[in-house]
Amino acid sequence: MHQVYVAADPLDAHLVTGFLESHGIEAIVRGETLFAVRGEVPMTTETLPAVWVVHEDAVAHARELIDEYKRSREPDSDNASPWKCPTCGEQHEPQFTNCWQCGAPGPGCS
């Protein structure tokens, strides 16, 4: 078995494992039980949950798929710019879809 991904938490590890399995790559999660004792043991790449690929010949493909998975989870940087509410003029960061001041929809939201 070969480690291909160190996850932030068990949920992240299982999402990646499921993604790999949906592409026909047999993978397992290791180290998720140590997550329960965080604070008692240091959280390092050795103690965080990790995804392991069972078959060596699938490692390269698994890493490519994981890179694809991580890119798909990143915000769209082309559309990530601050916006001004057309109703009240309040400035907002790009992750907000509605004005927090007056509730009006942001650009592209109707």
PDB file of N, CA and C in Angstrom:
ATOM      1  N   MET A   1       0.843  -1.183   0.000  1.00  0.00           N
ATOM      2  CA  MET A   1       0.000   0.000   0.000  1.00  0.00           C
ATOM      3  C   MET A   1       0.884   1.241   0.000  1.00  0.00           C
ATOM      4  N   HIS A   2       0.323   2.320  -0.603  1.00  0.00           N
ATOM      5  CA  HIS A   2       1.076   3.561  -0.735  1.00  0.00           C
ATOM      6  C   HIS A   2       0.219   4.749  -0.337  1.00  0.00           C
ATOM      7  N   GLN A   3       0.793   5.606   0.516  1.00  0.00           N
ATOM      8  CA  GLN A   3       0.075   6.797   0.950  1.00  0.00           C
ATOM      9  C   GLN A   3       0.070   7.806  -0.199  1.00  0.00           C
ATOM     10  N   VAL A   4      -1.122   8.326  -0.509  1.00  0.00           N
ATOM     11  CA  VAL A   4      -1.235   9.282  -1.611  1.00  0.00           C
ATOM     12  C   VAL A   4      -1.812  10.628  -1.183  1.00  0.00           C
ATOM     13  N   TYR A   5      -2.352  10.707   0.044  1.00  0.00           N
ATOM     14  CA  TYR A   5      -2.999  11.945   0.470  1.00  0.00           C
ATOM     15  C   TYR A   5      -3.053  12.005   1.987  1.00  0.00           C
ATOM     16  N   VAL A   6      -2.684  13.156   2.552  1.00  0.00           N
ATOM     17  CA  VAL A   6      -2.844  13.407   3.984  1.00  0.00           C
ATOM     18  C   VAL A   6      -3.993  14.392   4.119  1.00  0.00           C
ATOM     19  N   ALA A   7      -5.006  13.995   4.855  1.00  0.00           N
ATOM     20  CA  ALA A   7      -6.237  14.776   4.959  1.00  0.00           C
ATOM     21  C   ALA A   7      -6.223  15.698   6.174  1.00  0.00           C
ATOM     22  N   ALA A   8      -7.064  16.709   6.122  1.00  0.00           N
ATOM     23  CA  ALA A   8      -7.215  17.625   7.249  1.00  0.00           C
ATOM     24  C   ALA A   8      -8.007  16.987   8.385  1.00  0.00           C
ATOM     25  N   ASP A   9      -8.924  16.072   8.023  1.00  0.00           N
ATOM     26  CA  ASP A   9      -9.774  15.412   9.014  1.00  0.00           C
ATOM     27  C   ASP A   9     -10.337  14.137   8.378  1.00  0.00           C
ATOM     28  N   PRO A  10     -10.984  13.286   9.183  1.00  0.00           N
ATOM     29  CA  PRO A  10     -11.504  12.026   8.637  1.00  0.00           C
ATOM     30  C   PRO A  10     -12.506  12.215   7.491  1.00  0.00           C
ATOM     31  N   LEU A  11     -13.354  13.222   7.576  1.00  0.00           N
ATOM     32  CA  LEU A  11     -14.321  13.456   6.500  1.00  0.00           C
ATOM     33  C   LEU A  11     -13.611  13.711   5.175  1.00  0.00           C
ATOM     34  N   ASP A  12     -12.611  14.560   5.203  1.00  0.00           N
ATOM     35  CA  ASP A  12     -11.823  14.848   4.004  1.00  0.00           C
ATOM     36  C   ASP A  12     -11.200  13.569   3.453  1.00  0.00           C
ATOM     37  N   ALA A  13     -10.649  12.736   4.333  1.00  0.00           N
ATOM     38  CA  ALA A  13     -10.027  11.484   3.906  1.00  0.00           C
ATOM     39  C   ALA A  13     -11.046  10.566   3.237  1.00  0.00           C
ATOM     40  N   HIS A  14     -12.235  10.469   3.797  1.00  0.00           N
ATOM     41  CA  HIS A  14     -13.256   9.593   3.224  1.00  0.00           C
ATOM     42  C   HIS A  14     -13.807  10.148   1.904  1.00  0.00           C
ATOM     43  N   LEU A  15     -13.888  11.468   1.780  1.00  0.00           N
ATOM     44  CA  LEU A  15     -14.320  12.057   0.514  1.00  0.00           C
ATOM     45  C   LEU A  15     -13.329  11.729  -0.601  1.00  0.00           C
ATOM     46  N   VAL A  16     -12.042  11.860  -0.305  1.00  0.00           N
ATOM     47  CA  VAL A  16     -11.016  11.540  -1.301  1.00  0.00           C
ATOM     48  C   VAL A  16     -11.033  10.055  -1.623  1.00  0.00           C
ATOM     49  N   THR A  17     -11.177   9.217  -0.605  1.00  0.00           N
ATOM     50  CA  THR A  17     -11.249   7.772  -0.834  1.00  0.00           C
ATOM     51  C   THR A  17     -12.425   7.431  -1.735  1.00  0.00           C
ATOM     52  N   GLY A  18     -13.573   8.005  -1.472  1.00  0.00           N
ATOM     53  CA  GLY A  18     -14.746   7.773  -2.307  1.00  0.00           C
ATOM     54  C   GLY A  18     -14.547   8.255  -3.729  1.00  0.00           C
ATOM     55  N   PHE A  19     -13.873   9.396  -3.877  1.00  0.00           N
ATOM     56  CA  PHE A  19     -13.578   9.926  -5.206  1.00  0.00           C
ATOM     57  C   PHE A  19     -12.688   8.953  -5.977  1.00  0.00           C
ATOM     58  N   LEU A  20     -11.655   8.444  -5.313  1.00  0.00           N
ATOM     59  CA  LEU A  20     -10.765   7.482  -5.972  1.00  0.00           C
ATOM     60  C   LEU A  20     -11.519   6.202  -6.332  1.00  0.00           C
ATOM     61  N   GLU A  21     -12.323   5.710  -5.403  1.00  0.00           N
ATOM     62  CA  GLU A  21     -13.080   4.478  -5.654  1.00  0.00           C
ATOM     63  C   GLU A  21     -14.075   4.660  -6.797  1.00  0.00           C
ATOM     64  N   SER A  22     -14.627   5.861  -6.948  1.00  0.00           N
ATOM     65  CA  SER A  22     -15.545   6.110  -8.058  1.00  0.00           C
ATOM     66  C   SER A  22     -14.828   6.067  -9.405  1.00  0.00           C
ATOM     67  N   HIS A  23     -13.506   6.145  -9.367  1.00  0.00           N
ATOM     68  CA  HIS A  23     -12.685   6.036 -10.575  1.00  0.00           C
ATOM     69  C   HIS A  23     -11.993   4.673 -10.670  1.00  0.00           C
ATOM     70  N   GLY A  24     -12.441   3.725  -9.862  1.00  0.00           N
ATOM     71  CA  GLY A  24     -11.931   2.366  -9.948  1.00  0.00           C
ATOM     72  C   GLY A  24     -10.629   2.107  -9.229  1.00  0.00           C
ATOM     73  N   ILE A  25     -10.239   2.986  -8.325  1.00  0.00           N
ATOM     74  CA  ILE A  25      -8.993   2.802  -7.576  1.00  0.00           C
ATOM     75  C   ILE A  25      -9.331   2.377  -6.160  1.00  0.00           C
ATOM     76  N   GLU A  26      -8.820   1.233  -5.748  1.00  0.00           N
ATOM     77  CA  GLU A  26      -9.076   0.717  -4.402  1.00  0.00           C
ATOM     78  C   GLU A  26      -8.212   1.483  -3.401  1.00  0.00           C
ATOM     79  N   ALA A  27      -8.865   2.114  -2.426  1.00  0.00           N
ATOM     80  CA  ALA A  27      -8.162   2.939  -1.444  1.00  0.00           C
ATOM     81  C   ALA A  27      -8.784   2.749  -0.068  1.00  0.00           C
ATOM     82  N   ILE A  28      -7.992   3.017   0.965  1.00  0.00           N
ATOM     83  CA  ILE A  28      -8.479   2.944   2.339  1.00  0.00           C
ATOM     84  C   ILE A  28      -8.007   4.168   3.114  1.00  0.00           C
ATOM     85  N   VAL A  29      -8.668   4.418   4.237  1.00  0.00           N
ATOM     86  CA  VAL A  29      -8.277   5.498   5.144  1.00  0.00           C
ATOM     87  C   VAL A  29      -7.551   4.870   6.324  1.00  0.00           C
ATOM     88  N   ARG A  30      -6.425   5.440   6.665  1.00  0.00           N
ATOM     89  CA  ARG A  30      -5.681   5.027   7.853  1.00  0.00           C
ATOM     90  C   ARG A  30      -5.479   6.242   8.752  1.00  0.00           C
ATOM     91  N   GLY A  31      -5.426   5.994  10.051  1.00  0.00           N
ATOM     92  CA  GLY A  31      -5.109   7.045  11.003  1.00  0.00           C
ATOM     93  C   GLY A  31      -6.280   7.870  11.483  1.00  0.00           C
ATOM     94  N   GLU A  32      -7.502   7.512  11.091  1.00  0.00           N
ATOM     95  CA  GLU A  32      -8.632   8.332  11.517  1.00  0.00           C
ATOM     96  C   GLU A  32      -8.912   8.210  13.011  1.00  0.00           C
ATOM     97  N   THR A  33      -8.532   7.101  13.621  1.00  0.00           N
ATOM     98  CA  THR A  33      -8.779   6.956  15.065  1.00  0.00           C
ATOM     99  C   THR A  33      -7.891   7.889  15.880  1.00  0.00           C
ATOM    100  N   LEU A  34      -6.718   8.231  15.350  1.00  0.00           N
ATOM    101  CA  LEU A  34      -5.846   9.174  16.057  1.00  0.00           C
ATOM    102  C   LEU A  34      -6.429  10.584  16.084  1.00  0.00           C
ATOM    103  N   PHE A  35      -7.319  10.876  15.144  1.00  0.00           N
ATOM    104  CA  PHE A  35      -7.918  12.195  15.095  1.00  0.00           C
ATOM    105  C   PHE A  35      -8.722  12.476  16.359  1.00  0.00           C
ATOM    106  N   ALA A  36      -9.263  11.434  16.961  1.00  0.00           N
ATOM    107  CA  ALA A  36     -10.060  11.585  18.183  1.00  0.00           C
ATOM    108  C   ALA A  36      -9.222  12.055  19.369  1.00  0.00           C
ATOM    109  N   VAL A  37      -7.921  11.835  19.315  1.00  0.00           N
ATOM    110  CA  VAL A  37      -7.063  12.236  20.438  1.00  0.00           C
ATOM    111  C   VAL A  37      -6.218  13.468  20.094  1.00  0.00           C
ATOM    112  N   ARG A  38      -6.669  14.244  19.102  1.00  0.00           N
ATOM    113  CA  ARG A  38      -5.932  15.466  18.783  1.00  0.00           C
ATOM    114  C   ARG A  38      -5.899  16.348  20.027  1.00  0.00           C
ATOM    115  N   GLY A  39      -4.804  16.968  20.224  1.00  0.00           N
ATOM    116  CA  GLY A  39      -4.588  17.731  21.451  1.00  0.00           C
ATOM    117  C   GLY A  39      -3.771  16.929  22.441  1.00  0.00           C
ATOM    118  N   GLU A  40      -3.932  15.617  22.407  1.00  0.00           N
ATOM    119  CA  GLU A  40      -3.131  14.727  23.246  1.00  0.00           C
ATOM    120  C   GLU A  40      -1.862  14.304  22.508  1.00  0.00           C
ATOM    121  N   VAL A  41      -1.984  14.167  21.201  1.00  0.00           N
ATOM    122  CA  VAL A  41      -0.819  13.869  20.353  1.00  0.00           C
ATOM    123  C   VAL A  41      -0.720  14.979  19.319  1.00  0.00           C
ATOM    124  N   PRO A  42       0.487  15.288  18.884  1.00  0.00           N
ATOM    125  CA  PRO A  42       0.612  16.360  17.881  1.00  0.00           C
ATOM    126  C   PRO A  42       0.005  15.940  16.543  1.00  0.00           C
ATOM    127  N   MET A  43      -0.620  16.877  15.856  1.00  0.00           N
ATOM    128  CA  MET A  43      -1.179  16.600  14.531  1.00  0.00           C
ATOM    129  C   MET A  43      -0.097  16.867  13.493  1.00  0.00           C
ATOM    130  N   THR A  44       0.440  15.809  12.959  1.00  0.00           N
ATOM    131  CA  THR A  44       1.471  15.889  11.929  1.00  0.00           C
ATOM    132  C   THR A  44       1.033  15.031  10.756  1.00  0.00           C
ATOM    133  N   THR A  45       1.825  15.029   9.700  1.00  0.00           N
ATOM    134  CA  THR A  45       1.490  14.194   8.549  1.00  0.00           C
ATOM    135  C   THR A  45       1.505  12.717   8.915  1.00  0.00           C
ATOM    136  N   GLU A  46       2.173  12.367   9.998  1.00  0.00           N
ATOM    137  CA  GLU A  46       2.188  10.976  10.437  1.00  0.00           C
ATOM    138  C   GLU A  46       0.971  10.602  11.283  1.00  0.00           C
ATOM    139  N   THR A  47       0.308  11.589  11.879  1.00  0.00           N
ATOM    140  CA  THR A  47      -0.827  11.275  12.756  1.00  0.00           C
ATOM    141  C   THR A  47      -2.175  11.721  12.200  1.00  0.00           C
ATOM    142  N   LEU A  48      -2.179  12.507  11.145  1.00  0.00           N
ATOM    143  CA  LEU A  48      -3.440  12.904  10.519  1.00  0.00           C
ATOM    144  C   LEU A  48      -3.993  11.752   9.691  1.00  0.00           C
ATOM    145  N   PRO A  49      -5.306  11.727   9.459  1.00  0.00           N
ATOM    146  CA  PRO A  49      -5.875  10.686   8.596  1.00  0.00           C
ATOM    147  C   PRO A  49      -5.249  10.775   7.205  1.00  0.00           C
ATOM    148  N   ALA A  50      -5.021   9.630   6.610  1.00  0.00           N
ATOM    149  CA  ALA A  50      -4.392   9.590   5.291  1.00  0.00           C
ATOM    150  C   ALA A  50      -5.100   8.570   4.409  1.00  0.00           C
ATOM    151  N   VAL A  51      -4.995   8.809   3.111  1.00  0.00           N
ATOM    152  CA  VAL A  51      -5.561   7.897   2.119  1.00  0.00           C
ATOM    153  C   VAL A  51      -4.421   7.075   1.533  1.00  0.00           C
ATOM    154  N   TRP A  52      -4.646   5.779   1.506  1.00  0.00           N
ATOM    155  CA  TRP A  52      -3.651   4.838   0.991  1.00  0.00           C
ATOM    156  C   TRP A  52      -4.259   4.062  -0.168  1.00  0.00           C
ATOM    157  N   VAL A  53      -3.493   3.917  -1.238  1.00  0.00           N
ATOM    158  CA  VAL A  53      -3.918   3.146  -2.404  1.00  0.00           C
ATOM    159  C   VAL A  53      -3.383   1.732  -2.245  1.00  0.00           C
ATOM    160  N   VAL A  54      -4.240   0.770  -2.498  1.00  0.00           N
ATOM    161  CA  VAL A  54      -3.910  -0.637  -2.274  1.00  0.00           C
ATOM    162  C   VAL A  54      -2.925  -1.171  -3.310  1.00  0.00           C
ATOM    163  N   HIS A  55      -3.128  -0.831  -4.574  1.00  0.00           N
ATOM    164  CA  HIS A  55      -2.298  -1.402  -5.641  1.00  0.00           C
ATOM    165  C   HIS A  55      -1.273  -0.386  -6.137  1.00  0.00           C
ATOM    166  N   GLU A  56      -0.022  -0.795  -6.154  1.00  0.00           N
ATOM    167  CA  GLU A  56       1.076   0.097  -6.539  1.00  0.00           C
ATOM    168  C   GLU A  56       0.911   0.667  -7.942  1.00  0.00           C
ATOM    169  N   ASP A  57       0.372  -0.113  -8.853  1.00  0.00           N
ATOM    170  CA  ASP A  57       0.236   0.362 -10.235  1.00  0.00           C
ATOM    171  C   ASP A  57      -0.823   1.467 -10.382  1.00  0.00           C
ATOM    172  N   ALA A  58      -1.583   1.748  -9.343  1.00  0.00           N
ATOM    173  CA  ALA A  58      -2.602   2.792  -9.407  1.00  0.00           C
ATOM    174  C   ALA A  58      -2.168   4.093  -8.732  1.00  0.00           C
ATOM    175  N   VAL A  59      -0.972   4.125  -8.167  1.00  0.00           N
ATOM    176  CA  VAL A  59      -0.530   5.288  -7.393  1.00  0.00           C
ATOM    177  C   VAL A  59      -0.450   6.548  -8.248  1.00  0.00           C
ATOM    178  N   ALA A  60       0.178   6.487  -9.398  1.00  0.00           N
ATOM    179  CA  ALA A  60       0.328   7.680 -10.242  1.00  0.00           C
ATOM    180  C   ALA A  60      -1.027   8.227 -10.665  1.00  0.00           C
ATOM    181  N   HIS A  61      -1.910   7.334 -11.078  1.00  0.00           N
ATOM    182  CA  HIS A  61      -3.259   7.769 -11.493  1.00  0.00           C
ATOM    183  C   HIS A  61      -4.024   8.359 -10.307  1.00  0.00           C
ATOM    184  N   ALA A  62      -3.863   7.762  -9.135  1.00  0.00           N
ATOM    185  CA  ALA A  62      -4.532   8.278  -7.938  1.00  0.00           C
ATOM    186  C   ALA A  62      -4.058   9.688  -7.617  1.00  0.00           C
ATOM    187  N   ARG A  63      -2.775   9.942  -7.740  1.00  0.00           N
ATOM    188  CA  ARG A  63      -2.247  11.285  -7.461  1.00  0.00           C
ATOM    189  C   ARG A  63      -2.769  12.301  -8.469  1.00  0.00           C
ATOM    190  N   GLU A  64      -2.891  11.902  -9.725  1.00  0.00           N
ATOM    191  CA  GLU A  64      -3.460  12.791 -10.739  1.00  0.00           C
ATOM    192  C   GLU A  64      -4.922  13.119 -10.396  1.00  0.00           C
ATOM    193  N   LEU A  65      -5.676  12.098 -10.011  1.00  0.00           N
ATOM    194  CA  LEU A  65      -7.080  12.308  -9.652  1.00  0.00           C
ATOM    195  C   LEU A  65      -7.213  13.196  -8.420  1.00  0.00           C
ATOM    196  N   ILE A  66      -6.322  13.027  -7.453  1.00  0.00           N
ATOM    197  CA  ILE A  66      -6.364  13.854  -6.245  1.00  0.00           C
ATOM    198  C   ILE A  66      -6.077  15.310  -6.592  1.00  0.00           C
ATOM    199  N   ASP A  67      -5.113  15.543  -7.493  1.00  0.00           N
ATOM    200  CA  ASP A  67      -4.849  16.916  -7.943  1.00  0.00           C
ATOM    201  C   ASP A  67      -6.087  17.511  -8.598  1.00  0.00           C
ATOM    202  N   GLU A  68      -6.772  16.723  -9.409  1.00  0.00           N
ATOM    203  CA  GLU A  68      -8.015  17.156 -10.057  1.00  0.00           C
ATOM    204  C   GLU A  68      -9.082  17.467  -9.006  1.00  0.00           C
ATOM    205  N   TYR A  69      -9.198  16.596  -8.010  1.00  0.00           N
ATOM    206  CA  TYR A  69     -10.170  16.781  -6.927  1.00  0.00           C
ATOM    207  C   TYR A  69      -9.884  18.085  -6.179  1.00  0.00           C
ATOM    208  N   LYS A  70      -8.625  18.335  -5.849  1.00  0.00           N
ATOM    209  CA  LYS A  70      -8.267  19.550  -5.111  1.00  0.00           C
ATOM    210  C   LYS A  70      -8.540  20.799  -5.945  1.00  0.00           C
ATOM    211  N   ARG A  71      -8.252  20.752  -7.245  1.00  0.00           N
ATOM    212  CA  ARG A  71      -8.540  21.897  -8.121  1.00  0.00           C
ATOM    213  C   ARG A  71     -10.039  22.166  -8.196  1.00  0.00           C
ATOM    214  N   SER A  72     -10.849  21.106  -8.205  1.00  0.00           N
ATOM    215  CA  SER A  72     -12.294  21.286  -8.299  1.00  0.00           C
ATOM    216  C   SER A  72     -12.878  21.897  -7.033  1.00  0.00           C
ATOM    217  N   ARG A  73     -12.180  21.786  -5.924  1.00  0.00           N
ATOM    218  CA  ARG A  73     -12.671  22.315  -4.648  1.00  0.00           C
ATOM    219  C   ARG A  73     -12.203  23.746  -4.395  1.00  0.00           C
ATOM    220  N   GLU A  74     -11.306  24.264  -5.232  1.00  0.00           N
ATOM    221  CA  GLU A  74     -10.821  25.628  -5.066  1.00  0.00           C
ATOM    222  C   GLU A  74     -11.845  26.610  -5.622  1.00  0.00           C
ATOM    223  N   PRO A  75     -11.950  27.785  -5.010  1.00  0.00           N
ATOM    224  CA  PRO A  75     -12.862  28.794  -5.562  1.00  0.00           C
ATOM    225  C   PRO A  75     -12.396  29.204  -6.958  1.00  0.00           C
ATOM    226  N   ASP A  76     -13.322  29.591  -7.800  1.00  0.00           N
ATOM    227  CA  ASP A  76     -13.007  30.038  -9.150  1.00  0.00           C
ATOM    228  C   ASP A  76     -12.298  31.384  -9.060  1.00  0.00           C
ATOM    229  N   SER A  77     -10.979  31.369  -9.260  1.00  0.00           N
ATOM    230  CA  SER A  77     -10.198  32.588  -9.083  1.00  0.00           C
ATOM    231  C   SER A  77     -10.500  33.638 -10.154  1.00  0.00           C
ATOM    232  N   ASP A  78     -11.043  33.223 -11.314  1.00  0.00           N
ATOM    233  CA  ASP A  78     -11.377  34.187 -12.353  1.00  0.00           C
ATOM    234  C   ASP A  78     -12.531  35.093 -11.937  1.00  0.00           C
ATOM    235  N   ASN A  79     -13.453  34.574 -11.157  1.00  0.00           N
ATOM    236  CA  ASN A  79     -14.624  35.345 -10.744  1.00  0.00           C
ATOM    237  C   ASN A  79     -14.516  35.841  -9.308  1.00  0.00           C
ATOM    238  N   ALA A  80     -13.357  35.707  -8.698  1.00  0.00           N
ATOM    239  CA  ALA A  80     -13.195  36.065  -7.299  1.00  0.00           C
ATOM    240  C   ALA A  80     -12.735  37.520  -7.171  1.00  0.00           C
ATOM    241  N   SER A  81     -13.693  38.423  -7.195  1.00  0.00           N
ATOM    242  CA  SER A  81     -13.353  39.825  -6.971  1.00  0.00           C
ATOM    243  C   SER A  81     -14.407  40.443  -6.060  1.00  0.00           C
ATOM    244  N   PRO A  82     -13.983  41.408  -5.252  1.00  0.00           N
ATOM    245  CA  PRO A  82     -14.939  42.071  -4.359  1.00  0.00           C
ATOM    246  C   PRO A  82     -16.051  42.729  -5.172  1.00  0.00           C
ATOM    247  N   TRP A  83     -17.196  42.894  -4.542  1.00  0.00           N
ATOM    248  CA  TRP A  83     -18.324  43.528  -5.230  1.00  0.00           C
ATOM    249  C   TRP A  83     -19.015  44.515  -4.310  1.00  0.00           C
ATOM    250  N   LYS A  84     -19.706  45.464  -4.934  1.00  0.00           N
ATOM    251  CA  LYS A  84     -20.428  46.515  -4.213  1.00  0.00           C
ATOM    252  C   LYS A  84     -21.918  46.282  -4.393  1.00  0.00           C
ATOM    253  N   CYS A  85     -22.666  46.312  -3.299  1.00  0.00           N
ATOM    254  CA  CYS A  85     -24.110  46.104  -3.344  1.00  0.00           C
ATOM    255  C   CYS A  85     -24.771  47.196  -4.178  1.00  0.00           C
ATOM    256  N   PRO A  86     -25.574  46.803  -5.180  1.00  0.00           N
ATOM    257  CA  PRO A  86     -26.241  47.805  -6.015  1.00  0.00           C
ATOM    258  C   PRO A  86     -27.348  48.567  -5.272  1.00  0.00           C
ATOM    259  N   THR A  87     -27.814  48.016  -4.146  1.00  0.00           N
ATOM    260  CA  THR A  87     -28.907  48.650  -3.404  1.00  0.00           C
ATOM    261  C   THR A  87     -28.405  49.649  -2.368  1.00  0.00           C
ATOM    262  N   CYS A  88     -27.465  49.200  -1.506  1.00  0.00           N
ATOM    263  CA  CYS A  88     -27.025  50.069  -0.410  1.00  0.00           C
ATOM    264  C   CYS A  88     -25.574  50.537  -0.528  1.00  0.00           C
ATOM    265  N   GLY A  89     -24.818  49.965  -1.471  1.00  0.00           N
ATOM    266  CA  GLY A  89     -23.441  50.406  -1.674  1.00  0.00           C
ATOM    267  C   GLY A  89     -22.407  49.742  -0.775  1.00  0.00           C
ATOM    268  N   GLU A  90     -22.808  48.776   0.032  1.00  0.00           N
ATOM    269  CA  GLU A  90     -21.881  48.084   0.938  1.00  0.00           C
ATOM    270  C   GLU A  90     -20.885  47.250   0.127  1.00  0.00           C
ATOM    271  N   GLN A  91     -19.608  47.268   0.532  1.00  0.00           N
ATOM    272  CA  GLN A  91     -18.558  46.479  -0.114  1.00  0.00           C
ATOM    273  C   GLN A  91     -18.544  45.069   0.467  1.00  0.00           C
ATOM    274  N   HIS A  92     -18.320  44.055  -0.404  1.00  0.00           N
ATOM    275  CA  HIS A  92     -18.323  42.660   0.022  1.00  0.00           C
ATOM    276  C   HIS A  92     -17.161  41.894  -0.584  1.00  0.00           C
ATOM    277  N   GLU A  93     -16.698  40.892   0.140  1.00  0.00           N
ATOM    278  CA  GLU A  93     -15.698  39.966  -0.382  1.00  0.00           C
ATOM    279  C   GLU A  93     -16.389  39.023  -1.368  1.00  0.00           C
ATOM    280  N   PRO A  94     -15.637  38.416  -2.279  1.00  0.00           N
ATOM    281  CA  PRO A  94     -16.248  37.618  -3.348  1.00  0.00           C
ATOM    282  C   PRO A  94     -17.021  36.383  -2.890  1.00  0.00           C
ATOM    283  N   GLN A  95     -16.724  35.841  -1.711  1.00  0.00           N
ATOM    284  CA  GLN A  95     -17.408  34.624  -1.270  1.00  0.00           C
ATOM    285  C   GLN A  95     -18.858  34.864  -0.857  1.00  0.00           C
ATOM    286  N   PHE A  96     -19.256  36.127  -0.674  1.00  0.00           N
ATOM    287  CA  PHE A  96     -20.620  36.435  -0.264  1.00  0.00           C
ATOM    288  C   PHE A  96     -21.532  36.554  -1.480  1.00  0.00           C
ATOM    289  N   THR A  97     -22.698  35.916  -1.400  1.00  0.00           N
ATOM    290  CA  THR A  97     -23.639  35.963  -2.515  1.00  0.00           C
ATOM    291  C   THR A  97     -24.750  36.976  -2.294  1.00  0.00           C
ATOM    292  N   ASN A  98     -24.959  37.392  -1.059  1.00  0.00           N
ATOM    293  CA  ASN A  98     -25.973  38.392  -0.734  1.00  0.00           C
ATOM    294  C   ASN A  98     -25.350  39.460   0.157  1.00  0.00           C
ATOM    295  N   CYS A  99     -25.909  40.639   0.081  1.00  0.00           N
ATOM    296  CA  CYS A  99     -25.447  41.744   0.919  1.00  0.00           C
ATOM    297  C   CYS A  99     -25.794  41.454   2.379  1.00  0.00           C
ATOM    298  N   TRP A 100     -24.821  41.543   3.240  1.00  0.00           N
ATOM    299  CA  TRP A 100     -25.081  41.281   4.655  1.00  0.00           C
ATOM    300  C   TRP A 100     -25.801  42.463   5.294  1.00  0.00           C
ATOM    301  N   GLN A 101     -25.723  43.632   4.667  1.00  0.00           N
ATOM    302  CA  GLN A 101     -26.341  44.837   5.218  1.00  0.00           C
ATOM    303  C   GLN A 101     -27.847  44.887   4.923  1.00  0.00           C
ATOM    304  N   CYS A 102     -28.215  44.676   3.637  1.00  0.00           N
ATOM    305  CA  CYS A 102     -29.622  44.844   3.260  1.00  0.00           C
ATOM    306  C   CYS A 102     -30.260  43.574   2.703  1.00  0.00           C
ATOM    307  N   GLY A 103     -29.449  42.540   2.438  1.00  0.00           N
ATOM    308  CA  GLY A 103     -29.994  41.273   1.946  1.00  0.00           C
ATOM    309  C   GLY A 103     -30.158  41.178   0.443  1.00  0.00           C
ATOM    310  N   ALA A 104     -29.816  42.238  -0.291  1.00  0.00           N
ATOM    311  CA  ALA A 104     -29.954  42.216  -1.744  1.00  0.00           C
ATOM    312  C   ALA A 104     -29.003  41.176  -2.347  1.00  0.00           C
ATOM    313  N   PRO A 105     -29.417  40.530  -3.449  1.00  0.00           N
ATOM    314  CA  PRO A 105     -28.531  39.548  -4.090  1.00  0.00           C
ATOM    315  C   PRO A 105     -27.319  40.215  -4.728  1.00  0.00           C
ATOM    316  N   GLY A 106     -26.213  39.510  -4.702  1.00  0.00           N
ATOM    317  CA  GLY A 106     -24.985  40.008  -5.312  1.00  0.00           C
ATOM    318  C   GLY A 106     -24.976  39.784  -6.810  1.00  0.00           C
ATOM    319  N   PRO A 107     -23.867  40.129  -7.464  1.00  0.00           N
ATOM    320  CA  PRO A 107     -23.772  39.975  -8.912  1.00  0.00           C
ATOM    321  C   PRO A 107     -23.943  38.497  -9.316  1.00  0.00           C
ATOM    322  N   GLY A 108     -24.719  38.246 -10.316  1.00  0.00           N
ATOM    323  CA  GLY A 108     -24.945  36.883 -10.795  1.00  0.00           C
ATOM    324  C   GLY A 108     -25.944  36.090  -9.969  1.00  0.00           C
ATOM    325  N   CYS A 109     -26.527  36.706  -8.930  1.00  0.00           N
ATOM    326  CA  CYS A 109     -27.530  36.015  -8.081  1.00  0.00           C
ATOM    327  C   CYS A 109     -28.836  36.776  -8.197  1.00  0.00           C
ATOM    328  N   SER A 110     -29.855  36.072  -8.563  1.00  0.00           N
ATOM    329  CA  SER A 110     -31.155  36.746  -8.683  1.00  0.00           C
ATOM    330  C   SER A 110     -32.201  36.025  -7.884  1.00  0.00           C
TER     331      SER A 110
END
